Amino acid sequence: MNQISWTNHSFRTLLKSSIAHKDLFTGKALHALYLKSAVHPSTYLSNHFILLYSKCRRLSLACAAFNLTAYPNVFSFNTLIAALAKEARVSDAHALFDRIPEPDIVSYNTLIFAYADRGDTAPALSLFDEARRSNLALDGFTLSAAITACSRSIGLIRLLHCFAVSSGLGAYTSVNNSLLTYYSKNGFLPEAKQAGGSSMLSSSRMVTTGTVMSAAG
């Protein structure tokens, strides 16, 4: 192994360790070397600096690292969107989402969850419908986020329940648990038990059964 490849390998190893341990001091030192072109620039490495600052809750540094990325990819965008959402800057997260040339299902899931956490039903469902019409492969996280966004509307929860059954996404434990939780919280225990029926037979039995029991008082 030549000296250059050994240096690049060592740099990546140190950077990954800094992320894993949220070692901001070492990470910033590595970033300084990177910006001085001590290591050949790449989107792969730039993404790791965005991730480092995001995990360390240094949003301004994460934004700066993103802006310095010459060729950001969907991972670059998704990492910063998640960081913005974590800091409750959902409007900024959505604005960044709109700049993604080809958002993937992670992009949609992250933003739908961000709106769901705020109780913003309309934009969450709009994104859910957009993802569905984009022919992306929806997963349990997508539907669980949409259900959470509709937590106060039993009518919308029922519609999403129907979609879960027809699409096959009801096979996801996360979907069943979300349906069970919000049916229960709205006082619809028969529907909650129906939604949790398949989950009660799985490894999530304690979660789903516990939800029904707490709702039943």
N, C-alpha and C. Protein backbone atom coordinates (compact mmCIF):
# COMPACT_ATOMS: atom_id res chain seq x y z
N MET A 1 0.86 -1.20 0.00
CA MET A 1 0.00 0.00 0.00
C MET A 1 0.89 1.24 0.00
N ASN A 2 0.61 2.15 -0.95
CA ASN A 2 1.47 3.32 -1.02
C ASN A 2 1.10 4.35 0.03
N GLN A 3 1.92 5.40 0.11
CA GLN A 3 1.76 6.38 1.18
C GLN A 3 0.44 7.14 1.07
N ILE A 4 0.02 7.49 -0.18
CA ILE A 4 -1.20 8.26 -0.37
C ILE A 4 -2.42 7.46 0.05
N SER A 5 -2.51 6.20 -0.39
CA SER A 5 -3.67 5.39 -0.03
C SER A 5 -3.70 5.12 1.47
N TRP A 6 -2.53 4.96 2.06
CA TRP A 6 -2.49 4.76 3.53
C TRP A 6 -2.99 6.00 4.24
N THR A 7 -2.61 7.19 3.76
CA THR A 7 -3.06 8.43 4.36
C THR A 7 -4.57 8.58 4.24
N ASN A 8 -5.13 8.29 3.06
CA ASN A 8 -6.57 8.38 2.85
C ASN A 8 -7.31 7.39 3.74
N HIS A 9 -6.77 6.19 3.84
CA HIS A 9 -7.41 5.17 4.68
C HIS A 9 -7.41 5.61 6.14
N SER A 10 -6.29 6.12 6.60
CA SER A 10 -6.18 6.58 7.99
C SER A 10 -7.13 7.75 8.25
N PHE A 11 -7.22 8.65 7.27
CA PHE A 11 -8.08 9.82 7.40
C PHE A 11 -9.54 9.37 7.56
N ARG A 12 -9.97 8.46 6.71
CA ARG A 12 -11.35 7.98 6.78
C ARG A 12 -11.62 7.26 8.09
N THR A 13 -10.65 6.50 8.54
CA THR A 13 -10.82 5.77 9.80
C THR A 13 -10.98 6.73 10.97
N LEU A 14 -10.14 7.77 11.01
CA LEU A 14 -10.23 8.77 12.08
C LEU A 14 -11.54 9.55 12.01
N LEU A 15 -11.96 9.86 10.78
CA LEU A 15 -13.20 10.61 10.62
C LEU A 15 -14.40 9.79 11.08
N LYS A 16 -14.45 8.53 10.71
CA LYS A 16 -15.56 7.67 11.14
C LYS A 16 -15.56 7.51 12.66
N SER A 17 -14.37 7.42 13.25
CA SER A 17 -14.28 7.32 14.71
C SER A 17 -14.78 8.60 15.37
N SER A 18 -14.46 9.73 14.78
CA SER A 18 -14.92 11.02 15.33
C SER A 18 -16.44 11.10 15.32
N ILE A 19 -17.04 10.60 14.24
CA ILE A 19 -18.51 10.60 14.14
C ILE A 19 -19.11 9.67 15.18
N ALA A 20 -18.55 8.48 15.28
CA ALA A 20 -19.08 7.48 16.21
C ALA A 20 -19.02 7.96 17.65
N HIS A 21 -17.96 8.70 18.00
CA HIS A 21 -17.77 9.16 19.37
C HIS A 21 -18.17 10.63 19.57
N LYS A 22 -18.73 11.22 18.51
CA LYS A 22 -19.11 12.64 18.56
C LYS A 22 -17.94 13.50 19.05
N ASP A 23 -16.77 13.19 18.49
CA ASP A 23 -15.53 13.89 18.86
C ASP A 23 -15.38 15.12 17.97
N LEU A 24 -15.96 16.21 18.39
CA LEU A 24 -15.98 17.43 17.59
C LEU A 24 -14.58 18.00 17.40
N PHE A 25 -13.75 17.93 18.45
CA PHE A 25 -12.40 18.51 18.37
C PHE A 25 -11.59 17.85 17.26
N THR A 26 -11.53 16.52 17.27
CA THR A 26 -10.78 15.80 16.24
C THR A 26 -11.42 15.99 14.87
N GLY A 27 -12.74 15.97 14.84
CA GLY A 27 -13.44 16.14 13.58
C GLY A 27 -13.16 17.47 12.93
N LYS A 28 -13.13 18.53 13.72
CA LYS A 28 -12.84 19.85 13.17
C LYS A 28 -11.39 19.94 12.69
N ALA A 29 -10.48 19.28 13.38
CA ALA A 29 -9.08 19.26 12.95
C ALA A 29 -8.95 18.54 11.60
N LEU A 30 -9.68 17.43 11.46
CA LEU A 30 -9.67 16.70 10.20
C LEU A 30 -10.29 17.54 9.08
N HIS A 31 -11.33 18.27 9.42
CA HIS A 31 -11.98 19.10 8.41
C HIS A 31 -11.05 20.21 7.94
N ALA A 32 -10.27 20.77 8.85
CA ALA A 32 -9.31 21.81 8.48
C ALA A 32 -8.28 21.25 7.49
N LEU A 33 -7.80 20.03 7.75
CA LEU A 33 -6.86 19.39 6.83
C LEU A 33 -7.52 19.14 5.48
N TYR A 34 -8.76 18.72 5.52
CA TYR A 34 -9.51 18.42 4.31
C TYR A 34 -9.67 19.68 3.44
N LEU A 35 -10.01 20.79 4.10
CA LEU A 35 -10.21 22.04 3.36
C LEU A 35 -8.91 22.59 2.79
N LYS A 36 -7.78 22.19 3.40
CA LYS A 36 -6.48 22.61 2.89
C LYS A 36 -5.97 21.67 1.81
N SER A 37 -6.84 20.75 1.38
CA SER A 37 -6.52 19.79 0.32
C SER A 37 -5.41 18.82 0.70
N ALA A 38 -5.27 18.58 2.01
CA ALA A 38 -4.31 17.56 2.45
C ALA A 38 -4.80 16.17 2.06
N VAL A 39 -6.10 16.05 1.85
CA VAL A 39 -6.71 14.80 1.40
C VAL A 39 -7.57 15.14 0.19
N HIS A 40 -7.55 14.27 -0.80
CA HIS A 40 -8.31 14.52 -2.03
C HIS A 40 -9.79 14.67 -1.72
N PRO A 41 -10.42 15.77 -2.16
CA PRO A 41 -11.83 16.00 -1.84
C PRO A 41 -12.76 15.01 -2.55
N SER A 42 -13.86 14.71 -1.89
CA SER A 42 -14.87 13.83 -2.48
C SER A 42 -16.20 14.08 -1.79
N THR A 43 -17.28 13.79 -2.47
CA THR A 43 -18.60 13.92 -1.86
C THR A 43 -18.73 12.98 -0.68
N TYR A 44 -18.10 11.81 -0.79
CA TYR A 44 -18.14 10.82 0.29
C TYR A 44 -17.59 11.42 1.59
N LEU A 45 -16.44 12.05 1.53
CA LEU A 45 -15.85 12.65 2.73
C LEU A 45 -16.63 13.88 3.18
N SER A 46 -17.05 14.70 2.24
CA SER A 46 -17.84 15.87 2.60
C SER A 46 -19.10 15.48 3.35
N ASN A 47 -19.75 14.40 2.90
CA ASN A 47 -20.95 13.92 3.58
C ASN A 47 -20.67 13.52 5.02
N HIS A 48 -19.49 12.97 5.25
CA HIS A 48 -19.14 12.56 6.61
C HIS A 48 -18.96 13.77 7.53
N PHE A 49 -18.50 14.87 6.98
CA PHE A 49 -18.38 16.08 7.82
C PHE A 49 -19.76 16.67 8.12
N ILE A 50 -20.65 16.62 7.15
CA ILE A 50 -22.03 17.05 7.41
C ILE A 50 -22.63 16.19 8.51
N LEU A 51 -22.39 14.89 8.42
CA LEU A 51 -22.92 13.96 9.42
C LEU A 51 -22.30 14.20 10.80
N LEU A 52 -20.99 14.44 10.82
CA LEU A 52 -20.30 14.71 12.08
C LEU A 52 -20.92 15.90 12.80
N TYR A 53 -21.05 17.02 12.09
CA TYR A 53 -21.58 18.23 12.72
C TYR A 53 -23.05 18.07 13.09
N SER A 54 -23.78 17.30 12.30
CA SER A 54 -25.19 17.06 12.62
C SER A 54 -25.32 16.28 13.91
N LYS A 55 -24.51 15.22 14.05
CA LYS A 55 -24.56 14.40 15.27
C LYS A 55 -24.10 15.17 16.50
N CYS A 56 -23.21 16.13 16.29
CA CYS A 56 -22.72 16.96 17.40
C CYS A 56 -23.62 18.16 17.67
N ARG A 57 -24.75 18.24 16.95
CA ARG A 57 -25.71 19.33 17.11
C ARG A 57 -25.08 20.69 16.84
N ARG A 58 -24.21 20.74 15.85
CA ARG A 58 -23.60 22.00 15.41
C ARG A 58 -24.17 22.32 14.03
N LEU A 59 -25.39 22.82 14.03
CA LEU A 59 -26.13 22.99 12.79
C LEU A 59 -25.46 23.98 11.84
N SER A 60 -24.94 25.07 12.37
CA SER A 60 -24.30 26.06 11.49
C SER A 60 -23.09 25.46 10.77
N LEU A 61 -22.35 24.62 11.48
CA LEU A 61 -21.19 23.96 10.86
C LEU A 61 -21.64 22.92 9.84
N ALA A 62 -22.73 22.23 10.13
CA ALA A 62 -23.28 21.25 9.19
C ALA A 62 -23.72 21.94 7.90
N CYS A 63 -24.37 23.10 8.05
CA CYS A 63 -24.81 23.87 6.88
C CYS A 63 -23.60 24.35 6.07
N ALA A 64 -22.57 24.80 6.78
CA ALA A 64 -21.36 25.26 6.10
C ALA A 64 -20.69 24.13 5.34
N ALA A 65 -20.63 22.95 5.97
CA ALA A 65 -20.02 21.78 5.31
C ALA A 65 -20.82 21.39 4.08
N PHE A 66 -22.14 21.47 4.18
CA PHE A 66 -22.99 21.16 3.02
C PHE A 66 -22.73 22.16 1.90
N ASN A 67 -22.67 23.44 2.23
CA ASN A 67 -22.46 24.47 1.21
C ASN A 67 -21.11 24.36 0.54
N LEU A 68 -20.14 23.77 1.23
CA LEU A 68 -18.81 23.59 0.66
C LEU A 68 -18.69 22.30 -0.16
N THR A 69 -19.74 21.50 -0.16
CA THR A 69 -19.73 20.25 -0.92
C THR A 69 -19.98 20.56 -2.39
N ALA A 70 -18.99 20.28 -3.21
CA ALA A 70 -19.08 20.66 -4.63
C ALA A 70 -20.20 19.94 -5.36
N TYR A 71 -20.35 18.67 -5.07
CA TYR A 71 -21.36 17.86 -5.76
C TYR A 71 -22.18 17.06 -4.75
N PRO A 72 -23.10 17.74 -4.06
CA PRO A 72 -23.90 17.04 -3.06
C PRO A 72 -24.80 15.99 -3.71
N ASN A 73 -24.94 14.86 -3.03
CA ASN A 73 -25.86 13.83 -3.51
C ASN A 73 -27.05 13.74 -2.55
N VAL A 74 -27.91 12.77 -2.77
CA VAL A 74 -29.12 12.69 -1.95
C VAL A 74 -28.79 12.45 -0.48
N PHE A 75 -27.70 11.75 -0.20
CA PHE A 75 -27.28 11.55 1.20
C PHE A 75 -26.91 12.88 1.84
N SER A 76 -26.23 13.74 1.10
CA SER A 76 -25.86 15.07 1.61
C SER A 76 -27.11 15.82 2.03
N PHE A 77 -28.09 15.84 1.13
CA PHE A 77 -29.34 16.55 1.41
C PHE A 77 -30.07 15.93 2.60
N ASN A 78 -30.19 14.60 2.59
CA ASN A 78 -30.96 13.93 3.65
C ASN A 78 -30.36 14.15 5.03
N THR A 79 -29.04 14.16 5.10
CA THR A 79 -28.36 14.37 6.38
C THR A 79 -28.66 15.75 6.95
N LEU A 80 -28.59 16.76 6.09
CA LEU A 80 -28.85 18.11 6.56
C LEU A 80 -30.34 18.35 6.83
N ILE A 81 -31.21 17.74 6.04
CA ILE A 81 -32.65 17.83 6.29
C ILE A 81 -32.98 17.27 7.66
N ALA A 82 -32.39 16.12 8.00
CA ALA A 82 -32.62 15.51 9.31
C ALA A 82 -32.11 16.41 10.43
N ALA A 83 -30.96 17.05 10.21
CA ALA A 83 -30.40 17.95 11.23
C ALA A 83 -31.29 19.17 11.43
N LEU A 84 -31.79 19.73 10.35
CA LEU A 84 -32.69 20.88 10.44
C LEU A 84 -33.99 20.51 11.14
N ALA A 85 -34.51 19.33 10.80
CA ALA A 85 -35.76 18.88 11.43
C ALA A 85 -35.57 18.67 12.93
N LYS A 86 -34.42 18.14 13.31
CA LYS A 86 -34.14 17.90 14.72
C LYS A 86 -34.11 19.20 15.52
N GLU A 87 -33.74 20.28 14.86
CA GLU A 87 -33.70 21.60 15.50
C GLU A 87 -34.99 22.38 15.29
N ALA A 88 -36.03 21.68 14.85
CA ALA A 88 -37.37 22.26 14.64
C ALA A 88 -37.39 23.33 13.55
N ARG A 89 -36.47 23.26 12.62
CA ARG A 89 -36.45 24.19 11.49
C ARG A 89 -37.04 23.48 10.27
N VAL A 90 -38.33 23.18 10.40
CA VAL A 90 -38.98 22.36 9.40
C VAL A 90 -39.15 23.10 8.07
N SER A 91 -39.42 24.39 8.12
CA SER A 91 -39.56 25.17 6.88
C SER A 91 -38.25 25.16 6.10
N ASP A 92 -37.13 25.31 6.82
CA ASP A 92 -35.82 25.27 6.16
C ASP A 92 -35.55 23.86 5.61
N ALA A 93 -35.97 22.85 6.36
CA ALA A 93 -35.79 21.48 5.90
C ALA A 93 -36.57 21.24 4.62
N HIS A 94 -37.80 21.78 4.56
CA HIS A 94 -38.63 21.59 3.36
C HIS A 94 -38.03 22.34 2.18
N ALA A 95 -37.51 23.54 2.44
CA ALA A 95 -36.88 24.31 1.36
C ALA A 95 -35.68 23.55 0.78
N LEU A 96 -34.92 22.90 1.64
CA LEU A 96 -33.78 22.11 1.19
C LEU A 96 -34.26 20.87 0.43
N PHE A 97 -35.31 20.25 0.94
CA PHE A 97 -35.91 19.09 0.27
C PHE A 97 -36.27 19.44 -1.18
N ASP A 98 -36.83 20.62 -1.37
CA ASP A 98 -37.26 21.04 -2.70
C ASP A 98 -36.09 21.21 -3.67
N ARG A 99 -34.89 21.28 -3.14
CA ARG A 99 -33.71 21.43 -4.00
C ARG A 99 -33.11 20.09 -4.44
N ILE A 100 -33.61 18.99 -3.88
CA ILE A 100 -33.06 17.68 -4.24
C ILE A 100 -33.49 17.31 -5.65
N PRO A 101 -32.55 17.02 -6.54
CA PRO A 101 -32.93 16.64 -7.91
C PRO A 101 -33.85 15.41 -7.95
N GLU A 102 -33.51 14.40 -7.18
CA GLU A 102 -34.32 13.18 -7.14
C GLU A 102 -34.40 12.68 -5.69
N PRO A 103 -35.36 13.19 -4.92
CA PRO A 103 -35.48 12.73 -3.53
C PRO A 103 -35.81 11.24 -3.48
N ASP A 104 -35.27 10.56 -2.47
CA ASP A 104 -35.58 9.14 -2.29
C ASP A 104 -36.57 8.99 -1.14
N ILE A 105 -36.88 7.76 -0.79
CA ILE A 105 -37.89 7.54 0.24
C ILE A 105 -37.41 8.03 1.60
N VAL A 106 -36.10 8.02 1.84
CA VAL A 106 -35.56 8.55 3.09
C VAL A 106 -35.82 10.05 3.18
N SER A 107 -35.69 10.74 2.06
CA SER A 107 -35.96 12.19 2.02
C SER A 107 -37.40 12.45 2.45
N TYR A 108 -38.32 11.71 1.85
CA TYR A 108 -39.73 11.89 2.18
C TYR A 108 -40.02 11.50 3.63
N ASN A 109 -39.52 10.36 4.06
CA ASN A 109 -39.78 9.90 5.43
C ASN A 109 -39.33 10.92 6.46
N THR A 110 -38.13 11.46 6.26
CA THR A 110 -37.57 12.42 7.22
C THR A 110 -38.46 13.65 7.35
N LEU A 111 -38.91 14.17 6.21
CA LEU A 111 -39.71 15.39 6.24
C LEU A 111 -41.14 15.12 6.73
N ILE A 112 -41.70 13.97 6.37
CA ILE A 112 -43.05 13.63 6.86
C ILE A 112 -43.02 13.50 8.38
N PHE A 113 -42.00 12.84 8.91
CA PHE A 113 -41.88 12.71 10.36
C PHE A 113 -41.72 14.07 11.02
N ALA A 114 -40.98 14.97 10.38
CA ALA A 114 -40.77 16.30 10.94
C ALA A 114 -42.10 17.03 11.08
N TYR A 115 -42.94 16.95 10.06
CA TYR A 115 -44.25 17.59 10.15
C TYR A 115 -45.16 16.86 11.14
N ALA A 116 -45.06 15.54 11.18
CA ALA A 116 -45.88 14.76 12.11
C ALA A 116 -45.57 15.13 13.55
N ASP A 117 -44.29 15.33 13.85
CA ASP A 117 -43.89 15.69 15.21
C ASP A 117 -44.48 17.03 15.64
N ARG A 118 -44.75 17.90 14.68
CA ARG A 118 -45.35 19.21 14.96
C ARG A 118 -46.87 19.18 14.92
N GLY A 119 -47.41 18.03 14.51
CA GLY A 119 -48.86 17.94 14.38
C GLY A 119 -49.39 18.63 13.15
N ASP A 120 -48.53 18.83 12.13
CA ASP A 120 -48.94 19.48 10.89
C ASP A 120 -49.42 18.42 9.90
N THR A 121 -50.71 18.17 9.93
CA THR A 121 -51.28 17.07 9.14
C THR A 121 -51.21 17.33 7.64
N ALA A 122 -51.65 18.51 7.20
CA ALA A 122 -51.77 18.78 5.76
C ALA A 122 -50.46 18.61 4.99
N PRO A 123 -49.36 19.27 5.40
CA PRO A 123 -48.12 19.10 4.63
C PRO A 123 -47.57 17.67 4.70
N ALA A 124 -47.79 17.00 5.83
CA ALA A 124 -47.33 15.62 5.95
C ALA A 124 -48.06 14.72 4.96
N LEU A 125 -49.38 14.86 4.88
CA LEU A 125 -50.15 14.03 3.95
C LEU A 125 -49.88 14.41 2.50
N SER A 126 -49.61 15.69 2.26
CA SER A 126 -49.26 16.11 0.90
C SER A 126 -47.97 15.44 0.44
N LEU A 127 -47.00 15.37 1.32
CA LEU A 127 -45.73 14.70 1.00
C LEU A 127 -45.94 13.20 0.85
N PHE A 128 -46.77 12.63 1.69
CA PHE A 128 -47.07 11.19 1.59
C PHE A 128 -47.68 10.88 0.23
N ASP A 129 -48.63 11.69 -0.19
CA ASP A 129 -49.29 11.48 -1.49
C ASP A 129 -48.30 11.69 -2.63
N GLU A 130 -47.42 12.68 -2.48
CA GLU A 130 -46.41 12.94 -3.51
C GLU A 130 -45.47 11.75 -3.65
N ALA A 131 -45.05 11.18 -2.51
CA ALA A 131 -44.17 10.01 -2.55
C ALA A 131 -44.87 8.83 -3.22
N ARG A 132 -46.15 8.66 -2.89
CA ARG A 132 -46.92 7.56 -3.47
C ARG A 132 -47.04 7.71 -4.98
N ARG A 133 -47.31 8.94 -5.44
CA ARG A 133 -47.47 9.18 -6.87
C ARG A 133 -46.14 9.16 -7.62
N SER A 134 -45.04 9.29 -6.89
CA SER A 134 -43.71 9.26 -7.51
C SER A 134 -43.22 7.85 -7.78
N ASN A 135 -44.05 6.88 -7.44
CA ASN A 135 -43.72 5.46 -7.63
C ASN A 135 -42.50 5.02 -6.83
N LEU A 136 -42.24 5.72 -5.73
CA LEU A 136 -41.19 5.26 -4.83
C LEU A 136 -41.72 4.09 -4.02
N ALA A 137 -40.83 3.24 -3.57
CA ALA A 137 -41.23 2.10 -2.75
C ALA A 137 -41.47 2.58 -1.32
N LEU A 138 -42.73 2.83 -0.98
CA LEU A 138 -43.05 3.25 0.37
C LEU A 138 -42.72 2.13 1.34
N ASP A 139 -42.36 2.50 2.57
CA ASP A 139 -42.07 1.48 3.58
C ASP A 139 -42.87 1.77 4.84
N GLY A 140 -42.64 0.96 5.86
CA GLY A 140 -43.38 1.11 7.10
C GLY A 140 -43.17 2.46 7.76
N PHE A 141 -41.98 3.03 7.60
CA PHE A 141 -41.71 4.33 8.20
C PHE A 141 -42.55 5.42 7.54
N THR A 142 -42.71 5.33 6.22
CA THR A 142 -43.51 6.32 5.50
C THR A 142 -44.94 6.35 6.03
N LEU A 143 -45.54 5.17 6.11
CA LEU A 143 -46.94 5.10 6.54
C LEU A 143 -47.09 5.38 8.02
N SER A 144 -46.16 4.94 8.83
CA SER A 144 -46.21 5.23 10.27
C SER A 144 -46.16 6.73 10.52
N ALA A 145 -45.33 7.43 9.75
CA ALA A 145 -45.22 8.88 9.90
C ALA A 145 -46.53 9.56 9.51
N ALA A 146 -47.14 9.08 8.42
CA ALA A 146 -48.41 9.66 7.98
C ALA A 146 -49.50 9.43 9.03
N ILE A 147 -49.54 8.24 9.61
CA ILE A 147 -50.53 7.94 10.65
C ILE A 147 -50.32 8.84 11.85
N THR A 148 -49.07 9.03 12.25
CA THR A 148 -48.76 9.91 13.38
C THR A 148 -49.23 11.34 13.10
N ALA A 149 -49.07 11.79 11.86
CA ALA A 149 -49.50 13.13 11.49
C ALA A 149 -51.02 13.29 11.59
N CYS A 150 -51.74 12.18 11.49
CA CYS A 150 -53.21 12.20 11.54
C CYS A 150 -53.74 11.77 12.91
N SER A 151 -52.93 11.90 13.93
CA SER A 151 -53.25 11.31 15.23
C SER A 151 -54.57 11.77 15.83
N ARG A 152 -55.06 12.95 15.43
CA ARG A 152 -56.30 13.47 16.02
C ARG A 152 -57.51 13.28 15.10
N SER A 153 -57.31 12.67 13.94
CA SER A 153 -58.42 12.49 12.99
C SER A 153 -58.68 11.02 12.75
N ILE A 154 -59.71 10.50 13.38
CA ILE A 154 -60.01 9.07 13.25
C ILE A 154 -60.38 8.71 11.82
N GLY A 155 -61.01 9.67 11.10
CA GLY A 155 -61.36 9.42 9.70
C GLY A 155 -60.14 9.19 8.84
N LEU A 156 -59.13 10.03 9.00
CA LEU A 156 -57.90 9.87 8.22
C LEU A 156 -57.14 8.62 8.64
N ILE A 157 -57.16 8.31 9.93
CA ILE A 157 -56.50 7.09 10.39
C ILE A 157 -57.13 5.87 9.74
N ARG A 158 -58.46 5.86 9.64
CA ARG A 158 -59.15 4.74 9.01
C ARG A 158 -58.78 4.63 7.53
N LEU A 159 -58.68 5.77 6.85
CA LEU A 159 -58.29 5.74 5.44
C LEU A 159 -56.88 5.17 5.27
N LEU A 160 -55.99 5.59 6.14
CA LEU A 160 -54.62 5.07 6.08
C LEU A 160 -54.57 3.60 6.46
N HIS A 161 -55.45 3.17 7.35
CA HIS A 161 -55.55 1.76 7.71
C HIS A 161 -55.95 0.95 6.48
N CYS A 162 -56.93 1.45 5.73
CA CYS A 162 -57.35 0.77 4.50
C CYS A 162 -56.19 0.69 3.51
N PHE A 163 -55.44 1.80 3.41
CA PHE A 163 -54.29 1.80 2.51
C PHE A 163 -53.25 0.78 2.97
N ALA A 164 -53.05 0.68 4.28
CA ALA A 164 -52.08 -0.28 4.81
C ALA A 164 -52.45 -1.70 4.41
N VAL A 165 -53.73 -2.02 4.49
CA VAL A 165 -54.19 -3.37 4.13
C VAL A 165 -54.04 -3.61 2.63
N SER A 166 -54.49 -2.65 1.81
CA SER A 166 -54.48 -2.85 0.36
C SER A 166 -53.07 -2.85 -0.22
N SER A 167 -52.16 -2.10 0.41
CA SER A 167 -50.79 -1.99 -0.12
C SER A 167 -49.85 -3.06 0.41
N GLY A 168 -50.27 -3.74 1.46
CA GLY A 168 -49.39 -4.73 2.09
C GLY A 168 -48.48 -4.14 3.15
N LEU A 169 -48.54 -2.82 3.34
CA LEU A 169 -47.69 -2.17 4.34
C LEU A 169 -48.14 -2.48 5.76
N GLY A 170 -49.34 -3.04 5.89
CA GLY A 170 -49.81 -3.44 7.21
C GLY A 170 -48.99 -4.56 7.81
N ALA A 171 -48.13 -5.18 6.98
CA ALA A 171 -47.26 -6.24 7.49
C ALA A 171 -46.15 -5.68 8.37
N TYR A 172 -45.91 -4.36 8.29
CA TYR A 172 -44.87 -3.75 9.11
C TYR A 172 -45.38 -3.57 10.55
N THR A 173 -44.58 -4.02 11.50
CA THR A 173 -44.94 -3.86 12.91
C THR A 173 -45.10 -2.39 13.27
N SER A 174 -44.26 -1.53 12.70
CA SER A 174 -44.34 -0.10 13.02
C SER A 174 -45.69 0.48 12.61
N VAL A 175 -46.24 0.00 11.49
CA VAL A 175 -47.54 0.48 11.02
C VAL A 175 -48.64 0.02 11.96
N ASN A 176 -48.62 -1.26 12.32
CA ASN A 176 -49.63 -1.79 13.24
C ASN A 176 -49.58 -1.08 14.59
N ASN A 177 -48.38 -0.84 15.08
CA ASN A 177 -48.25 -0.16 16.37
C ASN A 177 -48.76 1.28 16.31
N SER A 178 -48.52 1.96 15.18
CA SER A 178 -49.01 3.33 15.03
C SER A 178 -50.54 3.35 14.98
N LEU A 179 -51.11 2.43 14.21
CA LEU A 179 -52.57 2.35 14.15
C LEU A 179 -53.15 2.04 15.52
N LEU A 180 -52.57 1.08 16.18
CA LEU A 180 -53.04 0.68 17.51
C LEU A 180 -52.97 1.86 18.49
N THR A 181 -51.85 2.56 18.46
CA THR A 181 -51.65 3.68 19.39
C THR A 181 -52.70 4.76 19.21
N TYR A 182 -52.93 5.16 17.96
CA TYR A 182 -53.82 6.31 17.74
C TYR A 182 -55.29 5.93 17.73
N TYR A 183 -55.62 4.69 17.38
CA TYR A 183 -56.98 4.24 17.61
C TYR A 183 -57.26 4.26 19.12
N SER A 184 -56.32 3.76 19.89
CA SER A 184 -56.50 3.69 21.34
C SER A 184 -56.63 5.07 21.95
N LYS A 185 -55.76 5.98 21.55
CA LYS A 185 -55.78 7.33 22.14
C LYS A 185 -57.07 8.09 21.80
N ASN A 186 -57.70 7.69 20.68
CA ASN A 186 -58.95 8.32 20.31
C ASN A 186 -60.17 7.55 20.83
N GLY A 187 -59.90 6.49 21.62
CA GLY A 187 -60.98 5.76 22.25
C GLY A 187 -61.65 4.70 21.40
N PHE A 188 -61.02 4.29 20.31
CA PHE A 188 -61.59 3.27 19.43
C PHE A 188 -60.89 1.93 19.70
N LEU A 189 -61.24 1.30 20.80
CA LEU A 189 -60.54 0.09 21.23
C LEU A 189 -60.76 -1.12 20.33
N PRO A 190 -61.98 -1.36 19.79
CA PRO A 190 -62.13 -2.51 18.88
C PRO A 190 -61.21 -2.41 17.67
N GLU A 191 -61.13 -1.19 17.08
CA GLU A 191 -60.23 -0.99 15.94
C GLU A 191 -58.77 -1.14 16.35
N ALA A 192 -58.45 -0.69 17.56
CA ALA A 192 -57.07 -0.83 18.06
C ALA A 192 -56.69 -2.30 18.19
N LYS A 193 -57.62 -3.10 18.72
CA LYS A 193 -57.33 -4.53 18.88
C LYS A 193 -57.21 -5.21 17.53
N GLN A 194 -58.04 -4.78 16.58
CA GLN A 194 -57.96 -5.34 15.23
C GLN A 194 -56.62 -5.00 14.59
N ALA A 195 -56.20 -3.74 14.72
CA ALA A 195 -54.94 -3.30 14.13
C ALA A 195 -53.76 -4.01 14.77
N GLY A 196 -53.86 -4.25 16.07
CA GLY A 196 -52.75 -4.88 16.78
C GLY A 196 -52.78 -6.38 16.77
N GLY A 197 -53.80 -6.96 16.16
CA GLY A 197 -53.94 -8.41 16.21
C GLY A 197 -52.75 -9.17 15.69
N SER A 198 -52.28 -8.79 14.47
CA SER A 198 -51.14 -9.51 13.90
C SER A 198 -49.87 -9.24 14.68
N SER A 199 -49.75 -8.02 15.20
CA SER A 199 -48.54 -7.69 15.95
C SER A 199 -48.46 -8.44 17.26
N MET A 200 -49.63 -8.73 17.85
CA MET A 200 -49.63 -9.42 19.13
C MET A 200 -49.06 -10.82 19.02
N LEU A 201 -49.02 -11.33 17.80
CA LEU A 201 -48.48 -12.67 17.59
C LEU A 201 -47.00 -12.64 17.26
N SER A 202 -46.47 -11.42 17.15
CA SER A 202 -45.07 -11.28 16.77
C SER A 202 -44.21 -10.94 17.96
N SER A 203 -42.95 -10.59 17.67
CA SER A 203 -42.02 -10.27 18.76
C SER A 203 -42.36 -8.95 19.43
N SER A 204 -43.28 -8.18 18.84
CA SER A 204 -43.65 -6.89 19.42
C SER A 204 -44.83 -7.02 20.37
N ARG A 205 -45.15 -8.22 20.80
CA ARG A 205 -46.36 -8.44 21.58
C ARG A 205 -46.46 -7.53 22.79
N MET A 206 -45.37 -7.32 23.51
CA MET A 206 -45.43 -6.51 24.72
C MET A 206 -45.76 -5.06 24.40
N VAL A 207 -45.27 -4.55 23.26
CA VAL A 207 -45.56 -3.17 22.88
C VAL A 207 -47.03 -3.01 22.56
N THR A 208 -47.55 -3.85 21.64
CA THR A 208 -48.92 -3.69 21.20
C THR A 208 -49.92 -4.01 22.30
N THR A 209 -49.69 -5.07 23.04
CA THR A 209 -50.61 -5.42 24.10
C THR A 209 -50.62 -4.35 25.19
N GLY A 210 -49.45 -3.82 25.49
CA GLY A 210 -49.36 -2.79 26.52
C GLY A 210 -50.11 -1.53 26.13
N THR A 211 -50.12 -1.21 24.83
CA THR A 211 -50.83 -0.02 24.37
C THR A 211 -52.32 -0.17 24.57
N VAL A 212 -52.85 -1.34 24.21
CA VAL A 212 -54.28 -1.59 24.39
C VAL A 212 -54.65 -1.54 25.87
N MET A 213 -53.85 -2.16 26.70
CA MET A 213 -54.16 -2.21 28.12
C MET A 213 -54.14 -0.82 28.75
N SER A 214 -53.17 0.02 28.35
CA SER A 214 -53.12 1.36 28.92
C SER A 214 -54.31 2.19 28.48
N ALA A 215 -54.75 2.00 27.23
CA ALA A 215 -55.89 2.74 26.74
C ALA A 215 -57.18 2.27 27.42
N ALA A 216 -57.25 0.99 27.74
CA ALA A 216 -58.44 0.44 28.38
C ALA A 216 -58.51 0.82 29.84
N GLY A 217 -57.40 1.33 30.39
CA GLY A 217 -57.37 1.78 31.77
C GLY A 217 -57.25 0.65 32.75
